[in-house]
Every structure is written in C-alpha cells, then in structure tokens.
C-alpha atoms as a PDB file:
ATOM      1  CA  MET A   1      21.106 -10.665 -20.812  1.00  0.00           C
ATOM      2  CA  ALA A   2      22.757  -7.426 -19.734  1.00  0.00           C
ATOM      3  CA  SER A   3      19.523  -6.319 -18.092  1.00  0.00           C
ATOM      4  CA  ALA A   4      19.241  -9.547 -16.062  1.00  0.00           C
ATOM      5  CA  HIS A   5      22.883  -9.223 -15.037  1.00  0.00           C
ATOM      6  CA  GLY A   6      22.329  -5.595 -14.007  1.00  0.00           C
ATOM      7  CA  GLN A   7      19.291  -6.562 -11.929  1.00  0.00           C
ATOM      8  CA  ALA A   8      21.237  -9.349 -10.222  1.00  0.00           C
ATOM      9  CA  ALA A   9      24.098  -6.975  -9.411  1.00  0.00           C
ATOM     10  CA  SER A  10      21.639  -4.400  -8.121  1.00  0.00           C
ATOM     11  CA  GLY A  11      19.942  -7.049  -5.949  1.00  0.00           C
ATOM     12  CA  ARG A  12      23.311  -8.133  -4.513  1.00  0.00           C
ATOM     13  CA  ALA A  13      24.181  -4.510  -3.764  1.00  0.00           C
ATOM     14  CA  ILE A  14      20.893  -3.975  -1.918  1.00  0.00           C
ATOM     15  CA  GLU A  15      21.444  -7.223  -0.003  1.00  0.00           C
ATOM     16  CA  GLU A  16      24.942  -6.165   1.054  1.00  0.00           C
ATOM     17  CA  ILE A  17      23.846  -2.641   1.995  1.00  0.00           C
ATOM     18  CA  ALA A  18      21.019  -4.057   4.132  1.00  0.00           C
ATOM     19  CA  ARG A  19      23.444  -6.519   5.741  1.00  0.00           C
ATOM     20  CA  TYR A  20      26.099  -3.961   6.642  1.00  0.00           C
ATOM     21  CA  VAL A  21      23.719  -1.173   7.709  1.00  0.00           C
ATOM     22  CA  GLY A  22      21.903  -3.734   9.875  1.00  0.00           C
ATOM     23  CA  ALA A  23      25.229  -4.940  11.307  1.00  0.00           C
ATOM     24  CA  LEU A  24      26.279  -1.388  12.133  1.00  0.00           C
ATOM     25  CA  SER A  25      22.864  -0.723  13.690  1.00  0.00           C
ATOM     26  CA  ILE A  26      23.015  -3.755  15.993  1.00  0.00           C
ATOM     27  CA  LEU A  27      26.560  -2.823  17.030  1.00  0.00           C
ATOM     28  CA  LEU A  28      25.228   0.624  17.930  1.00  0.00           C
ATOM     29  CA  VAL A  29      22.405  -0.997  19.920  1.00  0.00           C
ATOM     30  CA  GLY A  30      25.113  -2.781  21.888  1.00  0.00           C
ATOM     31  CA  ALA A  31      27.103   0.429  22.282  1.00  0.00           C
ATOM     32  CA  VAL A  32      24.083   2.254  23.717  1.00  0.00           C
ATOM     33  CA  HIS A  33      23.470  -0.580  26.179  1.00  0.00           C
ATOM     34  CA  ALA A  34      27.155  -0.676  27.163  1.00  0.00           C
ATOM     35  CA  GLN A  35      27.170   3.069  27.765  1.00  0.00           C
ATOM     36  CA  GLN A  36      24.046   2.815  29.880  1.00  0.00           C
ATOM     37  CA  TYR A  37      25.421  -0.180  31.782  1.00  0.00           C
ATOM     38  CA  TYR A  38      28.780   1.417  32.586  1.00  0.00           C
ATOM     39  CA  GLY A  39      28.211   5.176  32.193  1.00  0.00           C
ATOM     40  CA  ALA A  40      24.674   5.563  33.509  1.00  0.00           C
ATOM     41  CA  TYR A  41      25.196   2.988  36.258  1.00  0.00           C
ATOM     42  CA  PHE A  42      22.544   0.516  35.141  1.00  0.00           C
ATOM     43  CA  ALA A  43      24.958  -2.170  36.342  1.00  0.00           C
ATOM     44  CA  VAL A  44      23.503  -1.715  39.830  1.00  0.00           C
ATOM     45  CA  VAL A  45      19.868  -2.094  38.728  1.00  0.00           C
ATOM     46  CA  PRO A  46      18.810  -5.704  39.420  1.00  0.00           C
ATOM     47  CA  THR A  47      17.794  -7.725  36.342  1.00  0.00           C
ATOM     48  CA  ILE A  48      17.761  -4.682  34.021  1.00  0.00           C
ATOM     49  CA  GLY A  49      21.510  -4.227  34.454  1.00  0.00           C
ATOM     50  CA  THR A  50      22.139  -7.869  33.585  1.00  0.00           C
ATOM     51  CA  LEU A  51      19.893  -7.559  30.516  1.00  0.00           C
ATOM     52  CA  PHE A  52      21.818  -4.457  29.383  1.00  0.00           C
ATOM     53  CA  LEU A  53      25.089  -6.372  29.689  1.00  0.00           C
ATOM     54  CA  LEU A  54      23.672  -9.366  27.804  1.00  0.00           C
ATOM     55  CA  SER A  55      22.358  -7.061  25.074  1.00  0.00           C
ATOM     56  CA  PHE A  56      25.804  -5.494  24.743  1.00  0.00           C
ATOM     57  CA  VAL A  57      27.543  -8.871  24.461  1.00  0.00           C
ATOM     58  CA  GLY A  58      24.921 -10.414  22.176  1.00  0.00           C
ATOM     59  CA  SER A  59      24.843  -7.373  19.910  1.00  0.00           C
ATOM     60  CA  GLY A  60      28.603  -7.485  19.619  1.00  0.00           C
ATOM     61  CA  VAL A  61      28.653 -11.165  18.707  1.00  0.00           C
ATOM     62  CA  VAL A  62      25.954 -11.014  16.019  1.00  0.00           C
ATOM     63  CA  GLY A  63      27.282  -7.702  14.702  1.00  0.00           C
ATOM     64  CA  VAL A  64      30.777  -9.100  14.210  1.00  0.00           C
ATOM     65  CA  VAL A  65      29.392 -12.239  12.545  1.00  0.00           C
ATOM     66  CA  LEU A  66      27.349 -10.101  10.154  1.00  0.00           C
ATOM     67  CA  ILE A  67      30.462  -8.151   9.183  1.00  0.00           C
ATOM     68  CA  ALA A  68      32.749 -11.189   8.918  1.00  0.00           C
ATOM     69  CA  PRO A  69      33.370 -12.680   5.451  1.00  0.00           C
ATOM     70  CA  VAL A  70      31.562 -15.933   6.305  1.00  0.00           C
ATOM     71  CA  ARG A  71      30.522 -16.595   2.704  1.00  0.00           C
ATOM     72  CA  ARG A  72      34.116 -17.610   2.079  1.00  0.00           C
ATOM     73  CA  LEU A  73      33.128 -20.823   3.851  1.00  0.00           C
ATOM     74  CA  GLY A  74      30.752 -21.513   0.960  1.00  0.00           C
ATOM     75  CA  ARG A  75      27.502 -19.947  -0.117  1.00  0.00           C
ATOM     76  CA  ASN A  76      25.214 -22.404   1.702  1.00  0.00           C
ATOM     77  CA  ILE A  77      26.955 -22.302   5.069  1.00  0.00           C
ATOM     78  CA  GLY A  78      27.655 -18.587   4.691  1.00  0.00           C
ATOM     79  CA  ASP A  79      23.992 -17.808   4.061  1.00  0.00           C
ATOM     80  CA  LEU A  80      22.988 -20.012   6.994  1.00  0.00           C
ATOM     81  CA  ILE A  81      25.382 -18.262   9.377  1.00  0.00           C
ATOM     82  CA  LEU A  82      24.377 -14.797   8.170  1.00  0.00           C
ATOM     83  CA  VAL A  83      20.637 -15.472   8.368  1.00  0.00           C
ATOM     84  CA  LEU A  84      20.973 -16.931  11.871  1.00  0.00           C
ATOM     85  CA  ALA A  85      23.033 -13.907  12.973  1.00  0.00           C
ATOM     86  CA  ALA A  86      20.517 -11.536  11.375  1.00  0.00           C
ATOM     87  CA  LEU A  87      17.612 -13.286  13.106  1.00  0.00           C
ATOM     88  CA  GLY A  88      19.504 -13.135  16.400  1.00  0.00           C
ATOM     89  CA  ALA A  89      20.111  -9.415  15.903  1.00  0.00           C
ATOM     90  CA  ILE A  90      16.448  -8.846  15.079  1.00  0.00           C
ATOM     91  CA  GLY A  91      15.507 -10.746  18.233  1.00  0.00           C
ATOM     92  CA  ILE A  92      17.805  -8.569  20.342  1.00  0.00           C
ATOM     93  CA  ALA A  93      16.522  -5.364  18.726  1.00  0.00           C
ATOM     94  CA  VAL A  94      12.828  -6.269  18.970  1.00  0.00           C
ATOM     95  CA  GLY A  95      13.276  -7.450  22.570  1.00  0.00           C
ATOM     96  CA  SER A  96      15.062  -4.230  23.458  1.00  0.00           C
ATOM     97  CA  LEU A  97      12.464  -2.103  21.696  1.00  0.00           C
ATOM     98  CA  ALA A  98       9.519  -3.908  23.299  1.00  0.00           C
ATOM     99  CA  SER A  99      11.119  -3.764  26.756  1.00  0.00           C
ATOM    100  CA  LEU A 100      11.831  -0.075  26.403  1.00  0.00           C
ATOM    101  CA  LEU A 101       8.289   0.713  25.300  1.00  0.00           C
ATOM    102  CA  VAL A 102       6.785  -1.378  28.116  1.00  0.00           C
ATOM    103  CA  SER A 103       9.046   0.276  30.709  1.00  0.00           C
ATOM    104  CA  GLU A 104       7.807   3.696  29.578  1.00  0.00           C
ATOM    105  CA  TYR A 105       4.268   2.868  30.727  1.00  0.00           C
ATOM    106  CA  MET A 106       4.669   0.346  33.544  1.00  0.00           C
ATOM    107  CA  PRO A 107       7.427  -1.091  35.712  1.00  0.00           C
ATOM    108  CA  LEU A 108       9.476  -3.814  34.052  1.00  0.00           C
ATOM    109  CA  PHE A 109      11.374  -5.979  36.554  1.00  0.00           C
ATOM    110  CA  GLY A 110      10.767  -3.214  39.078  1.00  0.00           C
ATOM    111  CA  PHE A 111      12.189  -0.464  36.837  1.00  0.00           C
ATOM    112  CA  MET A 112      10.307   2.232  34.959  1.00  0.00           C
ATOM    113  CA  GLU A 113      11.688   4.717  32.426  1.00  0.00           C
ATOM    114  CA  SER A 114      10.519   8.309  32.337  1.00  0.00           C
ATOM    115  CA  GLY A 115      10.948  10.655  29.407  1.00  0.00           C
ATOM    116  CA  TYR A 116      12.873  10.374  26.197  1.00  0.00           C
ATOM    117  CA  ARG A 117      16.482  11.212  26.977  1.00  0.00           C
ATOM    118  CA  LEU A 118      19.135  10.832  24.263  1.00  0.00           C
ATOM    119  CA  ALA A 119      19.998   7.213  25.091  1.00  0.00           C
ATOM    120  CA  ILE A 120      16.355   6.179  24.732  1.00  0.00           C
ATOM    121  CA  VAL A 121      15.952   7.981  21.414  1.00  0.00           C
ATOM    122  CA  LEU A 122      19.142   6.354  20.114  1.00  0.00           C
ATOM    123  CA  ALA A 123      18.008   2.922  21.311  1.00  0.00           C
ATOM    124  CA  LEU A 124      14.640   3.369  19.574  1.00  0.00           C
ATOM    125  CA  LEU A 125      16.376   4.492  16.379  1.00  0.00           C
ATOM    126  CA  PHE A 126      19.007   1.734  16.256  1.00  0.00           C
ATOM    127  CA  ASP A 127      16.559  -1.016  17.285  1.00  0.00           C
ATOM    128  CA  SER A 128      14.241   0.069  14.469  1.00  0.00           C
ATOM    129  CA  LEU A 129      17.043   0.323  11.887  1.00  0.00           C
ATOM    130  CA  THR A 130      18.353  -3.109  12.874  1.00  0.00           C
ATOM    131  CA  THR A 131      14.934  -4.681  12.489  1.00  0.00           C
ATOM    132  CA  VAL A 132      14.161  -3.044   9.146  1.00  0.00           C
ATOM    133  CA  PHE A 133      17.528  -3.555   7.439  1.00  0.00           C
ATOM    134  CA  LEU A 134      18.217  -7.078   8.693  1.00  0.00           C
ATOM    135  CA  GLY A 135      14.607  -8.071   8.008  1.00  0.00           C
ATOM    136  CA  LEU A 136      15.135  -6.858   4.434  1.00  0.00           C
ATOM    137  CA  PHE A 137      18.438  -8.769   4.271  1.00  0.00           C
ATOM    138  CA  VAL A 138      16.787 -12.038   5.381  1.00  0.00           C
ATOM    139  CA  LEU A 139      13.955 -11.584   2.868  1.00  0.00           C
ATOM    140  CA  ILE A 140      16.395 -10.938   0.013  1.00  0.00           C
ATOM    141  CA  VAL A 141      18.520 -13.980   0.891  1.00  0.00           C
ATOM    142  CA  ALA A 142      15.412 -16.176   1.079  1.00  0.00           C
ATOM    143  CA  ARG A 143      14.112 -14.813  -2.239  1.00  0.00           C
ATOM    144  CA  ASN A 144      17.457 -15.315  -3.973  1.00  0.00           C
ATOM    145  CA  ARG A 145      17.724 -18.886  -2.726  1.00  0.00           C
ATOM    146  CA  ARG A 146      14.169 -19.625  -3.854  1.00  0.00           C
ATOM    147  CA  LEU A 147      14.821 -18.157  -7.316  1.00  0.00           C
ATOM    148  CA  HIS A 148      17.984 -20.187  -7.712  1.00  0.00           C
ATOM    149  CA  GLY A 149      16.409 -23.469  -6.617  1.00  0.00           C
ATOM    150  CA  LYS A 150      17.871 -23.557  -3.110  1.00  0.00           C
ATOM    151  CA  ASP A 151      14.785 -23.374  -0.893  1.00  0.00           C
ATOM    152  CA  ASP A 152      16.487 -24.173   2.375  1.00  0.00           C
ATOM    153  CA  LEU A 153      19.605 -22.929   4.069  1.00  0.00           C
ATOM    154  CA  ALA A 154      20.699 -26.316   5.381  1.00  0.00           C
ATOM    155  CA  VAL A 155      23.936 -27.882   4.255  1.00  0.00           C
ATOM    156  CA  ARG A 156      23.086 -31.233   2.762  1.00  0.00           C
ATOM    157  CA  PRO A 157      25.528 -34.135   2.764  1.00  0.00           C
ATOM    158  CA  THR A 158      26.612 -35.501  -0.582  1.00  0.00           C
ATOM    159  CA  ILE A 159      25.248 -38.973  -1.276  1.00  0.00           C
ATOM    160  CA  THR A 160      27.270 -41.153  -3.589  1.00  0.00           C
ATOM    161  CA  THR A 161      25.754 -44.027  -5.526  1.00  0.00           C
ATOM    162  CA  GLU A 162      28.974 -45.689  -6.559  1.00  0.00           C
ATOM    163  CA  ARG A 163      29.203 -49.419  -6.087  1.00  0.00           C
ATOM    164  CA  LYS A 164      32.337 -51.012  -4.866  1.00  0.00           C
ATOM    165  CA  ALA A 165      33.663 -53.956  -6.834  1.00  0.00           C
ATOM    166  CA  PRO A 166      33.301 -57.336  -5.054  1.00  0.00           C
END
C-alpha cells in the first residue's frame, strides 16, 4: 500500500510541476510578444502586430487560469478548466512557433524574419517548453481520470430516481 501511495504522490507532483512550468512558459511567451509589440515596435506592422497583441493577451489569460486554484471548484470542473486552458496555451504556443518558423523562410502576412535575435530564440524556447510541459500535463490528467474510472472531463448532472408520493 505504501508503494502505491508513493507512486500516486509522485504522479501528482509530476502533474503539478508540468502544470506550473507550462503556465510559466506560456506567460513568458506572452511577455516576449508584449515586448516585441511595444518595445520593438511590432504594433505598427499590419496583421503581425495585432497577432502579437492577441498572443500577449491570450497567453496571459490561459497562464493565469493555469496558476489559479481552480480545483477548489471541484475535481471534475477543475480538471476541465485546466485541460481547456492547457490546450489553449498549447494552441497559442504551436501557432506562434509555426508562424515564426514559416516567417523565417517566406513572408507571412507580408512580413519576413531574418536571423535569430534574442527575442526569436526566447520565443522558440518558451513555445517549445509550453508545448512539452502542458502536453505532459494533459496526458497525465487524462491517464489519471481513466485509471480512476472518470473517462471524460464533463460535469454530469445528478439524476434522482425518487418518486414523489401521490
């Protein structure tokens, strides 16, 4: 029994580490985009500037949700919120990573990157960390729910079968 308890505690620790490292990574993705939007004047670049601003805002929202103690709302709803936030963060990170890589080789919305300056290296790093750690987090949550007989993340209504007296 102690071994099973130790494995469960270890699994929860890995899940939480993946969650918080992923949350920090997506917040840093947003910080890089905010710096580039305001500090490197990407605000004036059509379409790309807007996408940088949206990445900053979206990264901030999902990052804060991932850090928030949403499991206090209940395990089912907490897991649902966290998995949705993690998937949103992965979407932002993968979209950012793909866009950056495309813009290195061809114009993207009329803009093309050249070279690997610090902001690009940081974006590549944080996008990758976000994807890896939050992907791991989602897999662990799904595995834990499957092992404990909760295959889906939906909140199901309680159905009562009591009959009222005539």
